[in-house]
Protein backbone atom coordinates (compact mmCIF):
# COMPACT_ATOMS: atom_id res chain seq x y z
CA MET A 1 -3.66 -114.59 -14.60
CA ARG A 2 -1.44 -116.28 -12.08
CA ALA A 3 -2.36 -118.59 -9.72
CA PHE A 4 -0.52 -119.92 -6.53
CA VAL A 5 -0.79 -123.33 -5.66
CA ILE A 6 0.65 -123.81 -2.26
CA ALA A 7 0.25 -126.94 -0.24
CA MET A 8 -0.06 -125.60 3.59
CA GLU A 9 -1.21 -122.51 5.01
CA ILE A 10 2.17 -121.49 6.93
CA GLU A 11 3.51 -121.66 3.21
CA ALA A 12 0.80 -119.62 1.78
CA GLU A 13 1.05 -116.76 4.51
CA CYS A 14 4.70 -115.98 2.81
CA VAL A 15 2.80 -115.19 -0.66
CA ARG A 16 -0.35 -113.37 0.69
CA PRO A 17 0.89 -109.74 0.98
CA HIS A 18 2.30 -109.90 -2.80
CA LEU A 19 -0.61 -110.94 -4.39
CA ARG A 20 -1.87 -108.58 -7.26
CA ASP A 21 -5.56 -107.92 -8.55
CA GLY A 22 -6.39 -110.88 -10.27
CA ASP A 23 -4.03 -113.51 -8.88
CA GLU A 24 -5.65 -116.69 -7.07
CA LEU A 25 -4.25 -118.39 -4.13
CA ILE A 26 -5.13 -121.98 -3.77
CA VAL A 27 -3.99 -123.82 -0.26
CA CYS A 28 -4.45 -127.33 -1.77
CA GLY A 29 -3.08 -129.57 0.90
CA ILE A 30 -0.14 -131.78 0.89
CA GLY A 31 0.57 -134.49 -1.86
CA LYS A 32 0.42 -134.85 -5.54
CA VAL A 33 -3.10 -135.42 -6.20
CA ASN A 34 -4.47 -132.46 -4.05
CA ALA A 35 -1.67 -130.35 -6.27
CA ALA A 36 -2.48 -131.64 -9.52
CA ALA A 37 -6.25 -131.01 -8.79
CA ALA A 38 -5.84 -127.53 -7.75
CA ALA A 39 -3.56 -126.67 -10.68
CA GLN A 40 -6.27 -127.99 -13.06
CA ARG A 41 -8.75 -126.09 -11.06
CA ALA A 42 -6.79 -122.78 -11.68
CA ILE A 43 -5.91 -123.29 -15.21
CA ASP A 44 -9.92 -123.91 -15.70
CA ALA A 45 -10.36 -120.75 -13.76
CA GLY A 46 -8.08 -119.07 -16.62
CA ALA A 47 -4.51 -119.09 -15.16
CA ASP A 48 -1.82 -119.23 -17.42
CA GLU A 49 0.97 -119.28 -15.17
CA ILE A 50 1.00 -121.34 -12.07
CA TRP A 51 3.32 -120.62 -9.14
CA ASN A 52 4.07 -123.42 -6.53
CA ILE A 53 6.18 -121.88 -3.59
CA GLY A 54 6.95 -123.87 -0.38
CA LEU A 55 9.47 -125.57 2.01
CA CYS A 56 11.55 -128.75 0.53
CA GLY A 57 14.14 -131.24 1.44
CA GLY A 58 17.43 -130.76 -0.15
CA PHE A 59 20.33 -133.20 -1.35
CA GLY A 60 24.08 -132.70 -1.53
CA GLU A 61 26.73 -130.09 -0.67
CA ASP A 62 25.08 -127.62 -3.10
CA VAL A 63 22.26 -126.84 -1.12
CA GLU A 64 21.77 -125.37 2.29
CA ILE A 65 19.29 -125.13 5.25
CA GLY A 66 17.40 -121.88 4.37
CA GLY A 67 18.71 -121.49 0.77
CA VAL A 68 16.11 -120.38 -1.62
CA TYR A 69 15.99 -122.12 -5.11
CA GLU A 70 14.08 -121.58 -8.26
CA VAL A 71 12.99 -125.11 -10.23
CA GLU A 72 14.37 -125.44 -13.20
CA SER A 73 13.04 -129.13 -14.03
CA ALA A 74 10.83 -131.66 -12.01
CA VAL A 75 10.40 -135.04 -11.64
CA GLU A 76 7.77 -137.49 -10.18
CA TYR A 77 10.17 -139.91 -8.52
CA ASP A 78 7.66 -142.35 -7.06
CA PHE A 79 6.33 -143.02 -10.87
CA ASP A 80 7.75 -146.22 -12.25
CA LEU A 81 6.54 -148.04 -15.49
CA ALA A 82 9.81 -149.73 -15.82
CA GLN A 83 8.43 -153.13 -15.50
CA LEU A 84 5.66 -152.52 -17.95
CA ASN A 85 7.40 -150.87 -20.71
CA GLY A 86 11.14 -150.37 -19.82
CA THR A 87 11.09 -146.75 -19.47
CA SER A 88 13.27 -145.43 -16.58
CA VAL A 89 11.63 -144.09 -13.15
CA GLY A 90 9.94 -140.84 -13.34
CA VAL A 91 8.94 -141.23 -17.15
CA VAL A 92 5.36 -140.91 -17.48
CA ASP A 93 3.75 -142.80 -20.31
CA GLY A 94 4.17 -141.14 -23.67
CA ARG A 95 7.23 -138.85 -22.55
CA ASP A 96 10.71 -139.49 -23.26
CA SER A 97 12.15 -137.52 -20.25
CA PRO A 98 11.19 -137.97 -16.39
CA TYR A 99 11.87 -134.08 -16.24
CA PHE A 100 8.87 -131.54 -16.86
CA PRO A 101 10.46 -128.44 -17.70
CA CYS A 102 9.86 -125.23 -15.69
CA SER A 103 10.11 -121.40 -15.93
CA THR A 104 12.78 -119.70 -14.15
CA LYS A 105 13.49 -116.00 -13.79
CA GLY A 106 17.35 -116.27 -12.79
CA VAL A 107 17.09 -114.41 -9.37
CA PHE A 108 17.78 -117.30 -7.57
CA PRO A 109 20.14 -120.54 -8.21
CA ALA A 110 18.04 -123.04 -10.29
CA LYS A 111 17.95 -126.55 -9.19
CA ARG A 112 16.31 -129.89 -10.06
CA LEU A 113 13.06 -131.10 -8.09
CA ALA A 114 12.03 -134.52 -7.18
CA THR A 115 8.46 -134.95 -6.24
CA GLY A 116 6.84 -137.83 -4.20
CA ASP A 117 4.10 -138.95 -2.22
CA ARG A 118 6.26 -139.71 0.93
CA PHE A 119 8.16 -137.80 3.72
CA ASN A 120 10.88 -140.24 4.81
CA ASP A 121 14.43 -140.63 5.70
CA SER A 122 14.88 -143.69 3.05
CA GLU A 123 18.26 -144.43 1.92
CA SER A 124 16.77 -146.13 -1.28
CA ASP A 125 14.91 -142.95 -2.20
CA TYR A 126 17.94 -141.00 -1.64
CA GLY A 127 19.89 -143.28 -4.08
CA LEU A 128 17.45 -142.79 -6.66
CA ILE A 129 16.71 -139.41 -6.21
CA ILE A 130 20.38 -138.52 -6.41
CA ASP A 131 22.24 -140.90 -8.34
CA GLU A 132 19.39 -141.89 -10.82
CA LEU A 133 17.81 -138.69 -11.44
CA GLY A 134 20.30 -135.95 -10.28
CA CYS A 135 17.91 -133.81 -8.01
CA GLU A 136 18.75 -131.67 -5.31
CA LEU A 137 15.57 -130.80 -3.88
CA ARG A 138 12.38 -132.92 -2.59
CA ASP A 139 9.12 -131.99 -2.20
CA MET A 140 5.41 -133.72 -2.32
CA GLU A 141 3.51 -131.33 -4.88
CA GLY A 142 5.90 -129.55 -7.23
CA ALA A 143 6.25 -131.97 -10.43
CA ALA A 144 2.66 -133.00 -10.18
CA ILE A 145 1.72 -129.35 -10.77
CA ALA A 146 4.39 -129.18 -13.51
CA HIS A 147 2.88 -132.32 -15.32
CA VAL A 148 -0.41 -130.81 -15.29
CA CYS A 149 1.06 -127.35 -16.60
CA GLU A 150 2.56 -129.31 -19.48
CA ILE A 151 -0.55 -131.18 -20.56
CA ASN A 152 -2.31 -127.66 -20.42
CA GLY A 153 0.42 -125.57 -22.28
CA LYS A 154 0.72 -123.15 -19.28
CA ALA A 155 4.04 -122.13 -17.54
CA TYR A 156 4.92 -123.33 -14.06
CA ARG A 157 7.39 -121.67 -11.83
CA GLY A 158 8.65 -123.31 -8.59
CA LEU A 159 10.30 -121.65 -5.63
CA LYS A 160 11.59 -123.75 -2.75
CA CYS A 161 13.35 -123.23 0.56
CA VAL A 162 15.08 -126.13 1.95
CA SER A 163 14.30 -127.07 5.39
CA ASP A 164 16.05 -130.33 5.82
CA VAL A 165 18.97 -131.87 4.16
CA ALA A 166 19.41 -135.71 3.61
CA GLY A 167 22.26 -137.37 5.53
CA ARG A 168 22.62 -134.49 8.02
CA GLY A 169 20.06 -136.25 10.70
CA SER A 170 16.52 -136.83 11.06
CA MET A 171 14.36 -134.76 8.28
CA THR A 172 11.63 -134.45 10.58
CA GLY A 173 13.90 -133.24 13.52
CA GLN A 174 15.58 -130.66 11.17
CA TYR A 175 12.02 -129.68 9.54
CA LEU A 176 10.54 -128.90 12.81
CA GLU A 177 14.01 -127.18 13.92
CA HIS A 178 14.45 -125.09 11.01
CA ARG A 179 10.78 -124.31 10.01
CA ALA A 180 10.32 -121.08 11.32
CA LYS A 181 13.78 -119.61 9.94
CA CYS A 182 13.04 -121.15 6.54
CA LEU A 183 9.38 -119.49 6.40
CA GLU A 184 10.93 -116.04 7.12
CA ARG A 185 13.49 -116.89 4.15
CA LEU A 186 10.85 -118.01 1.68
CA ALA A 187 8.68 -114.92 2.54
CA GLU A 188 11.71 -112.62 1.77
CA ALA A 189 12.59 -114.42 -1.72
CA VAL A 190 8.76 -114.15 -2.47
CA ALA A 191 9.08 -110.40 -2.07
CA VAL A 192 12.03 -110.43 -4.24
CA LEU A 193 10.79 -112.74 -7.14
CA VAL A 194 7.07 -112.38 -7.28
């Protein structure tokens, strides 16, 4: 069974027309805890593949507003045990790597996703996400879902459309300006991928 764990209703509207018999759609709300709880609920109900589809922020010259990308790996950039055990930022206790593996179909370019429970224009976050973790996408749910999928031995698939790019003005302003166009692009991509 496939389950779609989606943060916002406006993103879920991109998925609804493409659901098959037996699919489950959960609109979980924004944030890592909401996303992780919904992913675990879906797995407990029998899902063997969790999809997370939505809008995200972007970093660097290789991403564009309205660009659609599959998630190749994901990291929780706001998880930090460095002072406790000397690990790098994002490394969850008991793991060697900060990156959770993700499944891709190769239909859209694949990028690395950084997930954290904040939406901001922080230069310090940018440095961490870009320079230390090498991520090109940022959201508030994906890595939490990938984390739950790894714990349960299930596949995670992420599909993201970039609504704002760091360094090109206010993220909030860009998001509001481009949201409608990006949701259209996301809906088109869902039709191709799922």
